[in-house]
Amino acid sequence: MSGSKRKVAIIGAGPSGLNTARLLSARPADYEYEVFERGHCVGGLWVYTDKTGVDDDGYPVHSSIYKSLITNANKSVMEIPDFKLRDDYPAFPTHEQVTDMRGNQKPSRLHWTNKAYRK
């Protein structure tokens, strides 16, 4: 890359955003990045809420999952290296257990910004 770092904005701290940040963090000489997340925690589509309408910042509230959801994907394929599920969880975890995986963790090696982003 001829001595210059590429600047990357990662929009969203769901599974894809977290994996992207993890991969870029392994190449600090090549990439400078920041993760932008509108919500109060990481998790993306796995963040459950029963709220409706708009949030405190005026954005529409969205939840793609329902309260009693159990994943149909085995936890071994759902885990992100920096966000492991507990060993005592079942092979097909509930959304609460997936939520525990993300657990508001912000690994210190990831550059984190909790900001609303706009189109």
PDB file of N, CA and C in Angstrom:
ATOM      1  N   MET A   1       0.818  -1.203   0.000  1.00  0.00           N
ATOM      2  CA  MET A   1       0.000   0.000   0.000  1.00  0.00           C
ATOM      3  C   MET A   1       0.858   1.260   0.000  1.00  0.00           C
ATOM      4  N   SER A   2       2.089   1.123  -0.310  1.00  0.00           N
ATOM      5  CA  SER A   2       3.032   2.233  -0.455  1.00  0.00           C
ATOM      6  C   SER A   2       3.058   3.196   0.729  1.00  0.00           C
ATOM      7  N   GLY A   3       3.086   2.656   1.954  1.00  0.00           N
ATOM      8  CA  GLY A   3       3.301   3.476   3.132  1.00  0.00           C
ATOM      9  C   GLY A   3       2.119   4.243   3.677  1.00  0.00           C
ATOM     10  N   SER A   4       0.984   4.216   3.034  1.00  0.00           N
ATOM     11  CA  SER A   4      -0.154   4.968   3.569  1.00  0.00           C
ATOM     12  C   SER A   4      -1.254   4.018   4.040  1.00  0.00           C
ATOM     13  N   LYS A   5      -1.878   4.409   5.134  1.00  0.00           N
ATOM     14  CA  LYS A   5      -2.965   3.600   5.667  1.00  0.00           C
ATOM     15  C   LYS A   5      -4.277   3.963   4.975  1.00  0.00           C
ATOM     16  N   ARG A   6      -5.110   2.968   4.769  1.00  0.00           N
ATOM     17  CA  ARG A   6      -6.461   3.214   4.264  1.00  0.00           C
ATOM     18  C   ARG A   6      -7.359   3.502   5.451  1.00  0.00           C
ATOM     19  N   LYS A   7      -8.191   4.525   5.334  1.00  0.00           N
ATOM     20  CA  LYS A   7      -9.136   4.870   6.384  1.00  0.00           C
ATOM     21  C   LYS A   7     -10.467   4.199   6.066  1.00  0.00           C
ATOM     22  N   VAL A   8     -11.020   3.487   7.064  1.00  0.00           N
ATOM     23  CA  VAL A   8     -12.243   2.723   6.869  1.00  0.00           C
ATOM     24  C   VAL A   8     -13.252   3.104   7.948  1.00  0.00           C
ATOM     25  N   ALA A   9     -14.477   3.399   7.529  1.00  0.00           N
ATOM     26  CA  ALA A   9     -15.584   3.615   8.462  1.00  0.00           C
ATOM     27  C   ALA A   9     -16.447   2.362   8.425  1.00  0.00           C
ATOM     28  N   ILE A  10     -16.616   1.732   9.580  1.00  0.00           N
ATOM     29  CA  ILE A  10     -17.447   0.530   9.678  1.00  0.00           C
ATOM     30  C   ILE A  10     -18.772   0.963  10.283  1.00  0.00           C
ATOM     31  N   ILE A  11     -19.835   0.829   9.512  1.00  0.00           N
ATOM     32  CA  ILE A  11     -21.155   1.269   9.951  1.00  0.00           C
ATOM     33  C   ILE A  11     -21.889   0.084  10.559  1.00  0.00           C
ATOM     34  N   GLY A  12     -22.048   0.133  11.865  1.00  0.00           N
ATOM     35  CA  GLY A  12     -22.779  -0.895  12.586  1.00  0.00           C
ATOM     36  C   GLY A  12     -21.864  -1.870  13.304  1.00  0.00           C
ATOM     37  N   ALA A  13     -22.234  -2.189  14.541  1.00  0.00           N
ATOM     38  CA  ALA A  13     -21.454  -3.109  15.369  1.00  0.00           C
ATOM     39  C   ALA A  13     -22.208  -4.414  15.573  1.00  0.00           C
ATOM     40  N   GLY A  14     -22.781  -4.914  14.486  1.00  0.00           N
ATOM     41  CA  GLY A  14     -23.368  -6.245  14.499  1.00  0.00           C
ATOM     42  C   GLY A  14     -22.289  -7.252  14.156  1.00  0.00           C
ATOM     43  N   PRO A  15     -22.671  -8.489  13.898  1.00  0.00           N
ATOM     44  CA  PRO A  15     -21.672  -9.515  13.587  1.00  0.00           C
ATOM     45  C   PRO A  15     -20.734  -9.146  12.430  1.00  0.00           C
ATOM     46  N   SER A  16     -21.265  -8.585  11.367  1.00  0.00           N
ATOM     47  CA  SER A  16     -20.402  -8.227  10.224  1.00  0.00           C
ATOM     48  C   SER A  16     -19.449  -7.099  10.571  1.00  0.00           C
ATOM     49  N   GLY A  17     -19.953  -6.069  11.247  1.00  0.00           N
ATOM     50  CA  GLY A  17     -19.101  -4.955  11.636  1.00  0.00           C
ATOM     51  C   GLY A  17     -18.010  -5.368  12.605  1.00  0.00           C
ATOM     52  N   LEU A  18     -18.369  -6.215  13.576  1.00  0.00           N
ATOM     53  CA  LEU A  18     -17.383  -6.677  14.551  1.00  0.00           C
ATOM     54  C   LEU A  18     -16.306  -7.533  13.896  1.00  0.00           C
ATOM     55  N   ASN A  19     -16.722  -8.411  12.988  1.00  0.00           N
ATOM     56  CA  ASN A  19     -15.726  -9.234  12.285  1.00  0.00           C
ATOM     57  C   ASN A  19     -14.833  -8.383  11.401  1.00  0.00           C
ATOM     58  N   THR A  20     -15.397  -7.397  10.736  1.00  0.00           N
ATOM     59  CA  THR A  20     -14.596  -6.511   9.897  1.00  0.00           C
ATOM     60  C   THR A  20     -13.568  -5.767  10.752  1.00  0.00           C
ATOM     61  N   ALA A  21     -14.012  -5.233  11.885  1.00  0.00           N
ATOM     62  CA  ALA A  21     -13.092  -4.517  12.780  1.00  0.00           C
ATOM     63  C   ALA A  21     -11.998  -5.442  13.292  1.00  0.00           C
ATOM     64  N   ARG A  22     -12.377  -6.660  13.618  1.00  0.00           N
ATOM     65  CA  ARG A  22     -11.389  -7.622  14.115  1.00  0.00           C
ATOM     66  C   ARG A  22     -10.323  -7.895  13.057  1.00  0.00           C
ATOM     67  N   LEU A  23     -10.753  -8.087  11.820  1.00  0.00           N
ATOM     68  CA  LEU A  23      -9.793  -8.363  10.744  1.00  0.00           C
ATOM     69  C   LEU A  23      -8.902  -7.156  10.464  1.00  0.00           C
ATOM     70  N   LEU A  24      -9.483  -5.957  10.451  1.00  0.00           N
ATOM     71  CA  LEU A  24      -8.677  -4.762  10.200  1.00  0.00           C
ATOM     72  C   LEU A  24      -7.711  -4.491  11.348  1.00  0.00           C
ATOM     73  N   SER A  25      -8.120  -4.807  12.578  1.00  0.00           N
ATOM     74  CA  SER A  25      -7.243  -4.563  13.728  1.00  0.00           C
ATOM     75  C   SER A  25      -5.994  -5.438  13.684  1.00  0.00           C
ATOM     76  N   ALA A  26      -6.049  -6.518  12.927  1.00  0.00           N
ATOM     77  CA  ALA A  26      -4.887  -7.398  12.782  1.00  0.00           C
ATOM     78  C   ALA A  26      -3.856  -6.827  11.800  1.00  0.00           C
ATOM     79  N   ARG A  27      -4.227  -5.736  11.113  1.00  0.00           N
ATOM     80  CA  ARG A  27      -3.324  -5.118  10.132  1.00  0.00           C
ATOM     81  C   ARG A  27      -3.187  -3.613  10.394  1.00  0.00           C
ATOM     82  N   PRO A  28      -2.690  -3.229  11.563  1.00  0.00           N
ATOM     83  CA  PRO A  28      -2.629  -1.802  11.909  1.00  0.00           C
ATOM     84  C   PRO A  28      -1.726  -0.977  11.000  1.00  0.00           C
ATOM     85  N   ALA A  29      -0.788  -1.602  10.348  1.00  0.00           N
ATOM     86  CA  ALA A  29       0.080  -0.850   9.439  1.00  0.00           C
ATOM     87  C   ALA A  29      -0.646  -0.478   8.151  1.00  0.00           C
ATOM     88  N   ASP A  30      -1.720  -1.210   7.838  1.00  0.00           N
ATOM     89  CA  ASP A  30      -2.431  -0.992   6.586  1.00  0.00           C
ATOM     90  C   ASP A  30      -3.745  -0.226   6.726  1.00  0.00           C
ATOM     91  N   TYR A  31      -4.387  -0.341   7.901  1.00  0.00           N
ATOM     92  CA  TYR A  31      -5.738   0.212   8.048  1.00  0.00           C
ATOM     93  C   TYR A  31      -5.894   1.029   9.320  1.00  0.00           C
ATOM     94  N   GLU A  32      -6.608   2.124   9.175  1.00  0.00           N
ATOM     95  CA  GLU A  32      -7.075   2.931  10.292  1.00  0.00           C
ATOM     96  C   GLU A  32      -8.593   2.900  10.180  1.00  0.00           C
ATOM     97  N   TYR A  33      -9.280   2.535  11.240  1.00  0.00           N
ATOM     98  CA  TYR A  33     -10.723   2.364  11.128  1.00  0.00           C
ATOM     99  C   TYR A  33     -11.437   2.830  12.384  1.00  0.00           C
ATOM    100  N   GLU A  34     -12.731   3.035  12.240  1.00  0.00           N
ATOM    101  CA  GLU A  34     -13.576   3.378  13.361  1.00  0.00           C
ATOM    102  C   GLU A  34     -14.928   2.691  13.163  1.00  0.00           C
ATOM    103  N   VAL A  35     -15.467   2.154  14.249  1.00  0.00           N
ATOM    104  CA  VAL A  35     -16.775   1.506  14.219  1.00  0.00           C
ATOM    105  C   VAL A  35     -17.805   2.516  14.703  1.00  0.00           C
ATOM    106  N   PHE A  36     -18.831   2.741  13.903  1.00  0.00           N
ATOM    107  CA  PHE A  36     -19.913   3.647  14.279  1.00  0.00           C
ATOM    108  C   PHE A  36     -21.163   2.818  14.550  1.00  0.00           C
ATOM    109  N   GLU A  37     -21.702   2.960  15.733  1.00  0.00           N
ATOM    110  CA  GLU A  37     -22.908   2.214  16.116  1.00  0.00           C
ATOM    111  C   GLU A  37     -23.944   3.190  16.666  1.00  0.00           C
ATOM    112  N   ARG A  38     -25.136   3.153  16.110  1.00  0.00           N
ATOM    113  CA  ARG A  38     -26.205   4.036  16.562  1.00  0.00           C
ATOM    114  C   ARG A  38     -26.776   3.595  17.901  1.00  0.00           C
ATOM    115  N   GLY A  39     -26.832   2.296  18.120  1.00  0.00           N
ATOM    116  CA  GLY A  39     -27.428   1.772  19.337  1.00  0.00           C
ATOM    117  C   GLY A  39     -26.533   1.925  20.552  1.00  0.00           C
ATOM    118  N   HIS A  40     -27.054   1.482  21.682  1.00  0.00           N
ATOM    119  CA  HIS A  40     -26.336   1.618  22.945  1.00  0.00           C
ATOM    120  C   HIS A  40     -25.347   0.478  23.189  1.00  0.00           C
ATOM    121  N   CYS A  41     -25.352  -0.542  22.322  1.00  0.00           N
ATOM    122  CA  CYS A  41     -24.470  -1.690  22.523  1.00  0.00           C
ATOM    123  C   CYS A  41     -24.227  -2.385  21.185  1.00  0.00           C
ATOM    124  N   VAL A  42     -23.297  -3.318  21.195  1.00  0.00           N
ATOM    125  CA  VAL A  42     -23.039  -4.105  19.991  1.00  0.00           C
ATOM    126  C   VAL A  42     -24.088  -5.197  19.859  1.00  0.00           C
ATOM    127  N   GLY A  43     -24.196  -5.769  18.670  1.00  0.00           N
ATOM    128  CA  GLY A  43     -25.104  -6.899  18.493  1.00  0.00           C
ATOM    129  C   GLY A  43     -25.923  -6.870  17.232  1.00  0.00           C
ATOM    130  N   GLY A  44     -26.133  -5.707  16.663  1.00  0.00           N
ATOM    131  CA  GLY A  44     -26.881  -5.624  15.420  1.00  0.00           C
ATOM    132  C   GLY A  44     -28.279  -6.207  15.517  1.00  0.00           C
ATOM    133  N   LEU A  45     -28.598  -7.102  14.593  1.00  0.00           N
ATOM    134  CA  LEU A  45     -29.938  -7.687  14.524  1.00  0.00           C
ATOM    135  C   LEU A  45     -30.281  -8.538  15.732  1.00  0.00           C
ATOM    136  N   TRP A  46     -29.292  -8.890  16.549  1.00  0.00           N
ATOM    137  CA  TRP A  46     -29.553  -9.718  17.731  1.00  0.00           C
ATOM    138  C   TRP A  46     -29.994  -8.908  18.940  1.00  0.00           C
ATOM    139  N   VAL A  47     -30.014  -7.610  18.828  1.00  0.00           N
ATOM    140  CA  VAL A  47     -30.471  -6.777  19.945  1.00  0.00           C
ATOM    141  C   VAL A  47     -31.995  -6.818  19.972  1.00  0.00           C
ATOM    142  N   TYR A  48     -32.546  -7.333  21.055  1.00  0.00           N
ATOM    143  CA  TYR A  48     -34.004  -7.440  21.198  1.00  0.00           C
ATOM    144  C   TYR A  48     -34.550  -6.281  22.026  1.00  0.00           C
ATOM    145  N   THR A  49     -35.681  -5.771  21.586  1.00  0.00           N
ATOM    146  CA  THR A  49     -36.436  -4.812  22.377  1.00  0.00           C
ATOM    147  C   THR A  49     -37.913  -4.994  22.067  1.00  0.00           C
ATOM    148  N   ASP A  50     -38.732  -4.751  23.070  1.00  0.00           N
ATOM    149  CA  ASP A  50     -40.174  -4.785  22.824  1.00  0.00           C
ATOM    150  C   ASP A  50     -40.723  -3.376  22.665  1.00  0.00           C
ATOM    151  N   LYS A  51     -39.839  -2.390  22.633  1.00  0.00           N
ATOM    152  CA  LYS A  51     -40.252  -1.007  22.427  1.00  0.00           C
ATOM    153  C   LYS A  51     -40.669  -0.799  20.977  1.00  0.00           C
ATOM    154  N   THR A  52     -41.513   0.168  20.770  1.00  0.00           N
ATOM    155  CA  THR A  52     -41.944   0.542  19.425  1.00  0.00           C
ATOM    156  C   THR A  52     -41.867   2.062  19.294  1.00  0.00           C
ATOM    157  N   GLY A  53     -42.071   2.546  18.094  1.00  0.00           N
ATOM    158  CA  GLY A  53     -42.041   3.992  17.872  1.00  0.00           C
ATOM    159  C   GLY A  53     -40.645   4.479  17.564  1.00  0.00           C
ATOM    160  N   VAL A  54     -40.201   5.484  18.317  1.00  0.00           N
ATOM    161  CA  VAL A  54     -38.883   6.059  18.105  1.00  0.00           C
ATOM    162  C   VAL A  54     -38.093   6.015  19.411  1.00  0.00           C
ATOM    163  N   ASP A  55     -36.766   5.996  19.285  1.00  0.00           N
ATOM    164  CA  ASP A  55     -35.916   5.980  20.473  1.00  0.00           C
ATOM    165  C   ASP A  55     -35.682   7.399  20.989  1.00  0.00           C
ATOM    166  N   ASP A  56     -34.843   7.535  21.990  1.00  0.00           N
ATOM    167  CA  ASP A  56     -34.584   8.839  22.600  1.00  0.00           C
ATOM    168  C   ASP A  56     -33.940   9.830  21.641  1.00  0.00           C
ATOM    169  N   ASP A  57     -33.295   9.321  20.589  1.00  0.00           N
ATOM    170  CA  ASP A  57     -32.655  10.185  19.605  1.00  0.00           C
ATOM    171  C   ASP A  57     -33.533  10.450  18.392  1.00  0.00           C
ATOM    172  N   GLY A  58     -34.770   9.936  18.422  1.00  0.00           N
ATOM    173  CA  GLY A  58     -35.702  10.176  17.328  1.00  0.00           C
ATOM    174  C   GLY A  58     -35.629   9.182  16.180  1.00  0.00           C
ATOM    175  N   TYR A  59     -34.831   8.126  16.326  1.00  0.00           N
ATOM    176  CA  TYR A  59     -34.730   7.105  15.290  1.00  0.00           C
ATOM    177  C   TYR A  59     -35.815   6.053  15.487  1.00  0.00           C
ATOM    178  N   PRO A  60     -36.299   5.462  14.398  1.00  0.00           N
ATOM    179  CA  PRO A  60     -37.286   4.387  14.545  1.00  0.00           C
ATOM    180  C   PRO A  60     -36.691   3.207  15.306  1.00  0.00           C
ATOM    181  N   VAL A  61     -37.477   2.640  16.211  1.00  0.00           N
ATOM    182  CA  VAL A  61     -37.048   1.465  16.959  1.00  0.00           C
ATOM    183  C   VAL A  61     -37.238   0.252  16.068  1.00  0.00           C
ATOM    184  N   HIS A  62     -36.223  -0.597  16.018  1.00  0.00           N
ATOM    185  CA  HIS A  62     -36.283  -1.785  15.164  1.00  0.00           C
ATOM    186  C   HIS A  62     -35.748  -2.980  15.931  1.00  0.00           C
ATOM    187  N   SER A  63     -36.463  -4.077  15.869  1.00  0.00           N
ATOM    188  CA  SER A  63     -35.968  -5.334  16.409  1.00  0.00           C
ATOM    189  C   SER A  63     -36.355  -6.434  15.432  1.00  0.00           C
ATOM    190  N   SER A  64     -35.366  -7.173  14.982  1.00  0.00           N
ATOM    191  CA  SER A  64     -35.607  -8.229  13.984  1.00  0.00           C
ATOM    192  C   SER A  64     -35.914  -9.571  14.611  1.00  0.00           C
ATOM    193  N   ILE A  65     -35.893  -9.647  15.926  1.00  0.00           N
ATOM    194  CA  ILE A  65     -36.114 -10.925  16.586  1.00  0.00           C
ATOM    195  C   ILE A  65     -37.298 -10.819  17.528  1.00  0.00           C
ATOM    196  N   TYR A  66     -37.809 -11.952  17.945  1.00  0.00           N
ATOM    197  CA  TYR A  66     -38.927 -11.979  18.881  1.00  0.00           C
ATOM    198  C   TYR A  66     -38.452 -12.547  20.210  1.00  0.00           C
ATOM    199  N   LYS A  67     -39.261 -12.308  21.236  1.00  0.00           N
ATOM    200  CA  LYS A  67     -38.848 -12.568  22.607  1.00  0.00           C
ATOM    201  C   LYS A  67     -38.422 -14.012  22.877  1.00  0.00           C
ATOM    202  N   SER A  68     -39.072 -14.984  22.270  1.00  0.00           N
ATOM    203  CA  SER A  68     -38.781 -16.393  22.571  1.00  0.00           C
ATOM    204  C   SER A  68     -37.855 -17.053  21.542  1.00  0.00           C
ATOM    205  N   LEU A  69     -37.162 -16.256  20.752  1.00  0.00           N
ATOM    206  CA  LEU A  69     -36.320 -16.788  19.680  1.00  0.00           C
ATOM    207  C   LEU A  69     -35.205 -17.690  20.198  1.00  0.00           C
ATOM    208  N   ILE A  70     -35.062 -18.826  19.551  1.00  0.00           N
ATOM    209  CA  ILE A  70     -33.909 -19.718  19.726  1.00  0.00           C
ATOM    210  C   ILE A  70     -33.284 -19.842  18.343  1.00  0.00           C
ATOM    211  N   THR A  71     -31.992 -19.652  18.263  1.00  0.00           N
ATOM    212  CA  THR A  71     -31.341 -19.664  16.958  1.00  0.00           C
ATOM    213  C   THR A  71     -31.387 -21.053  16.312  1.00  0.00           C
ATOM    214  N   ASN A  72     -31.379 -21.064  14.999  1.00  0.00           N
ATOM    215  CA  ASN A  72     -31.316 -22.341  14.285  1.00  0.00           C
ATOM    216  C   ASN A  72     -29.893 -22.617  13.789  1.00  0.00           C
ATOM    217  N   ALA A  73     -28.948 -21.796  14.223  1.00  0.00           N
ATOM    218  CA  ALA A  73     -27.542 -21.995  13.877  1.00  0.00           C
ATOM    219  C   ALA A  73     -26.787 -22.432  15.130  1.00  0.00           C
ATOM    220  N   ASN A  74     -25.948 -23.408  14.977  1.00  0.00           N
ATOM    221  CA  ASN A  74     -25.162 -23.906  16.096  1.00  0.00           C
ATOM    222  C   ASN A  74     -24.235 -22.815  16.612  1.00  0.00           C
ATOM    223  N   LYS A  75     -24.062 -22.768  17.921  1.00  0.00           N
ATOM    224  CA  LYS A  75     -23.235 -21.707  18.506  1.00  0.00           C
ATOM    225  C   LYS A  75     -21.800 -21.743  17.999  1.00  0.00           C
ATOM    226  N   SER A  76     -21.324 -22.900  17.582  1.00  0.00           N
ATOM    227  CA  SER A  76     -19.945 -22.980  17.089  1.00  0.00           C
ATOM    228  C   SER A  76     -19.739 -22.180  15.810  1.00  0.00           C
ATOM    229  N   VAL A  77     -20.798 -21.974  15.029  1.00  0.00           N
ATOM    230  CA  VAL A  77     -20.677 -21.172  13.810  1.00  0.00           C
ATOM    231  C   VAL A  77     -21.100 -19.723  14.036  1.00  0.00           C
ATOM    232  N   MET A  78     -21.708 -19.436  15.174  1.00  0.00           N
ATOM    233  CA  MET A  78     -22.163 -18.073  15.468  1.00  0.00           C
ATOM    234  C   MET A  78     -21.122 -17.246  16.200  1.00  0.00           C
ATOM    235  N   GLU A  79     -20.200 -17.904  16.865  1.00  0.00           N
ATOM    236  CA  GLU A  79     -19.252 -17.171  17.691  1.00  0.00           C
ATOM    237  C   GLU A  79     -18.310 -16.316  16.855  1.00  0.00           C
ATOM    238  N   ILE A  80     -17.967 -15.204  17.436  1.00  0.00           N
ATOM    239  CA  ILE A  80     -16.950 -14.317  16.886  1.00  0.00           C
ATOM    240  C   ILE A  80     -15.750 -14.479  17.806  1.00  0.00           C
ATOM    241  N   PRO A  81     -14.549 -14.622  17.290  1.00  0.00           N
ATOM    242  CA  PRO A  81     -13.399 -14.911  18.158  1.00  0.00           C
ATOM    243  C   PRO A  81     -13.280 -14.039  19.404  1.00  0.00           C
ATOM    244  N   ASP A  82     -13.592 -12.760  19.321  1.00  0.00           N
ATOM    245  CA  ASP A  82     -13.494 -11.904  20.504  1.00  0.00           C
ATOM    246  C   ASP A  82     -14.771 -11.896  21.347  1.00  0.00           C
ATOM    247  N   PHE A  83     -15.786 -12.599  20.900  1.00  0.00           N
ATOM    248  CA  PHE A  83     -17.085 -12.609  21.569  1.00  0.00           C
ATOM    249  C   PHE A  83     -17.593 -14.043  21.648  1.00  0.00           C
ATOM    250  N   LYS A  84     -17.088 -14.786  22.601  1.00  0.00           N
ATOM    251  CA  LYS A  84     -17.420 -16.211  22.716  1.00  0.00           C
ATOM    252  C   LYS A  84     -18.687 -16.427  23.536  1.00  0.00           C
ATOM    253  N   LEU A  85     -19.429 -17.472  23.170  1.00  0.00           N
ATOM    254  CA  LEU A  85     -20.552 -17.930  23.988  1.00  0.00           C
ATOM    255  C   LEU A  85     -20.010 -18.801  25.111  1.00  0.00           C
ATOM    256  N   ARG A  86     -20.701 -18.792  26.234  1.00  0.00           N
ATOM    257  CA  ARG A  86     -20.256 -19.598  27.370  1.00  0.00           C
ATOM    258  C   ARG A  86     -20.345 -21.087  27.042  1.00  0.00           C
ATOM    259  N   ASP A  87     -19.436 -21.858  27.592  1.00  0.00           N
ATOM    260  CA  ASP A  87     -19.390 -23.301  27.338  1.00  0.00           C
ATOM    261  C   ASP A  87     -20.635 -24.028  27.817  1.00  0.00           C
ATOM    262  N   ASP A  88     -21.288 -23.520  28.868  1.00  0.00           N
ATOM    263  CA  ASP A  88     -22.454 -24.212  29.409  1.00  0.00           C
ATOM    264  C   ASP A  88     -23.758 -23.884  28.666  1.00  0.00           C
ATOM    265  N   TYR A  89     -23.701 -23.045  27.642  1.00  0.00           N
ATOM    266  CA  TYR A  89     -24.899 -22.752  26.847  1.00  0.00           C
ATOM    267  C   TYR A  89     -25.192 -23.906  25.895  1.00  0.00           C
ATOM    268  N   PRO A  90     -26.460 -24.097  25.549  1.00  0.00           N
ATOM    269  CA  PRO A  90     -26.808 -25.179  24.625  1.00  0.00           C
ATOM    270  C   PRO A  90     -26.267 -24.911  23.221  1.00  0.00           C
ATOM    271  N   ALA A  91     -26.284 -25.936  22.403  1.00  0.00           N
ATOM    272  CA  ALA A  91     -25.782 -25.813  21.029  1.00  0.00           C
ATOM    273  C   ALA A  91     -26.553 -24.763  20.238  1.00  0.00           C
ATOM    274  N   PHE A  92     -27.857 -24.618  20.522  1.00  0.00           N
ATOM    275  CA  PHE A  92     -28.700 -23.654  19.835  1.00  0.00           C
ATOM    276  C   PHE A  92     -29.217 -22.650  20.872  1.00  0.00           C
ATOM    277  N   PRO A  93     -28.491 -21.553  21.066  1.00  0.00           N
ATOM    278  CA  PRO A  93     -28.799 -20.624  22.148  1.00  0.00           C
ATOM    279  C   PRO A  93     -30.024 -19.745  21.886  1.00  0.00           C
ATOM    280  N   THR A  94     -30.572 -19.229  22.979  1.00  0.00           N
ATOM    281  CA  THR A  94     -31.650 -18.251  22.906  1.00  0.00           C
ATOM    282  C   THR A  94     -31.057 -16.897  22.559  1.00  0.00           C
ATOM    283  N   HIS A  95     -31.930 -15.945  22.219  1.00  0.00           N
ATOM    284  CA  HIS A  95     -31.397 -14.609  21.917  1.00  0.00           C
ATOM    285  C   HIS A  95     -30.764 -13.974  23.153  1.00  0.00           C
ATOM    286  N   GLU A  96     -31.256 -14.309  24.356  1.00  0.00           N
ATOM    287  CA  GLU A  96     -30.624 -13.781  25.566  1.00  0.00           C
ATOM    288  C   GLU A  96     -29.187 -14.283  25.699  1.00  0.00           C
ATOM    289  N   GLN A  97     -28.957 -15.540  25.338  1.00  0.00           N
ATOM    290  CA  GLN A  97     -27.607 -16.088  25.420  1.00  0.00           C
ATOM    291  C   GLN A  97     -26.705 -15.496  24.348  1.00  0.00           C
ATOM    292  N   VAL A  98     -27.258 -15.239  23.165  1.00  0.00           N
ATOM    293  CA  VAL A  98     -26.480 -14.558  22.131  1.00  0.00           C
ATOM    294  C   VAL A  98     -26.164 -13.143  22.600  1.00  0.00           C
ATOM    295  N   THR A  99     -27.142 -12.510  23.244  1.00  0.00           N
ATOM    296  CA  THR A  99     -26.934 -11.181  23.803  1.00  0.00           C
ATOM    297  C   THR A  99     -25.824 -11.200  24.837  1.00  0.00           C
ATOM    298  N   ASP A 100     -25.764 -12.251  25.631  1.00  0.00           N
ATOM    299  CA  ASP A 100     -24.701 -12.395  26.614  1.00  0.00           C
ATOM    300  C   ASP A 100     -23.340 -12.479  25.928  1.00  0.00           C
ATOM    301  N   MET A 101     -23.296 -13.078  24.737  1.00  0.00           N
ATOM    302  CA  MET A 101     -22.046 -13.162  23.979  1.00  0.00           C
ATOM    303  C   MET A 101     -21.540 -11.756  23.684  1.00  0.00           C
ATOM    304  N   ARG A 102     -22.429 -10.900  23.218  1.00  0.00           N
ATOM    305  CA  ARG A 102     -21.980  -9.555  22.879  1.00  0.00           C
ATOM    306  C   ARG A 102     -21.770  -8.742  24.128  1.00  0.00           C
ATOM    307  N   GLY A 103     -22.619  -8.950  25.148  1.00  0.00           N
ATOM    308  CA  GLY A 103     -22.433  -8.411  26.486  1.00  0.00           C
ATOM    309  C   GLY A 103     -21.880  -7.005  26.604  1.00  0.00           C
ATOM    310  N   ASN A 104     -22.183  -6.139  25.646  1.00  0.00           N
ATOM    311  CA  ASN A 104     -21.660  -4.775  25.685  1.00  0.00           C
ATOM    312  C   ASN A 104     -20.143  -4.739  25.706  1.00  0.00           C
ATOM    313  N   GLN A 105     -19.525  -5.820  25.239  1.00  0.00           N
ATOM    314  CA  GLN A 105     -18.067  -5.869  25.204  1.00  0.00           C
ATOM    315  C   GLN A 105     -17.551  -4.924  24.133  1.00  0.00           C
ATOM    316  N   LYS A 106     -16.484  -4.277  24.455  1.00  0.00           N
ATOM    317  CA  LYS A 106     -15.793  -3.441  23.485  1.00  0.00           C
ATOM    318  C   LYS A 106     -14.321  -3.792  23.609  1.00  0.00           C
ATOM    319  N   PRO A 107     -13.853  -4.800  22.894  1.00  0.00           N
ATOM    320  CA  PRO A 107     -12.447  -5.188  23.032  1.00  0.00           C
ATOM    321  C   PRO A 107     -11.535  -3.990  22.862  1.00  0.00           C
ATOM    322  N   SER A 108     -10.548  -3.879  23.714  1.00  0.00           N
ATOM    323  CA  SER A 108      -9.697  -2.698  23.735  1.00  0.00           C
ATOM    324  C   SER A 108      -8.954  -2.492  22.422  1.00  0.00           C
ATOM    325  N   ARG A 109      -8.756  -3.544  21.665  1.00  0.00           N
ATOM    326  CA  ARG A 109      -8.016  -3.353  20.415  1.00  0.00           C
ATOM    327  C   ARG A 109      -8.893  -2.838  19.279  1.00  0.00           C
ATOM    328  N   LEU A 110     -10.213  -2.737  19.508  1.00  0.00           N
ATOM    329  CA  LEU A 110     -11.100  -2.179  18.498  1.00  0.00           C
ATOM    330  C   LEU A 110     -11.306  -0.694  18.772  1.00  0.00           C
ATOM    331  N   HIS A 111     -11.285   0.092  17.719  1.00  0.00           N
ATOM    332  CA  HIS A 111     -11.535   1.531  17.838  1.00  0.00           C
ATOM    333  C   HIS A 111     -13.043   1.733  17.824  1.00  0.00           C
ATOM    334  N   TRP A 112     -13.589   2.233  18.895  1.00  0.00           N
ATOM    335  CA  TRP A 112     -15.026   2.233  19.100  1.00  0.00           C
ATOM    336  C   TRP A 112     -15.566   3.653  19.219  1.00  0.00           C
ATOM    337  N   THR A 113     -16.646   3.926  18.500  1.00  0.00           N
ATOM    338  CA  THR A 113     -17.346   5.192  18.639  1.00  0.00           C
ATOM    339  C   THR A 113     -18.824   4.889  18.738  1.00  0.00           C
ATOM    340  N   ASN A 114     -19.448   5.297  19.829  1.00  0.00           N
ATOM    341  CA  ASN A 114     -20.878   5.090  20.002  1.00  0.00           C
ATOM    342  C   ASN A 114     -21.568   6.376  19.586  1.00  0.00           C
ATOM    343  N   LYS A 115     -21.841   6.492  18.288  1.00  0.00           N
ATOM    344  CA  LYS A 115     -22.439   7.708  17.741  1.00  0.00           C
ATOM    345  C   LYS A 115     -23.585   7.322  16.820  1.00  0.00           C
ATOM    346  N   ALA A 116     -24.540   8.186  16.741  1.00  0.00           N
ATOM    347  CA  ALA A 116     -25.576   8.012  15.733  1.00  0.00           C
ATOM    348  C   ALA A 116     -24.978   8.362  14.369  1.00  0.00           C
ATOM    349  N   TYR A 117     -25.317   7.602  13.395  1.00  0.00           N
ATOM    350  CA  TYR A 117     -24.866   7.949  12.054  1.00  0.00           C
ATOM    351  C   TYR A 117     -26.065   8.305  11.206  1.00  0.00           C
ATOM    352  N   ARG A 118     -25.857   9.128  10.257  1.00  0.00           N
ATOM    353  CA  ARG A 118     -26.947   9.609   9.414  1.00  0.00           C
ATOM    354  C   ARG A 118     -26.635   9.307   7.953  1.00  0.00           C
ATOM    355  N   LYS A 119     -27.679   9.186   7.168  1.00  0.00           N
ATOM    356  CA  LYS A 119     -27.496   8.910   5.733  1.00  0.00           C
ATOM    357  C   LYS A 119     -26.852  10.094   5.052  1.00  0.00           C
TER     358      LYS A 119
END
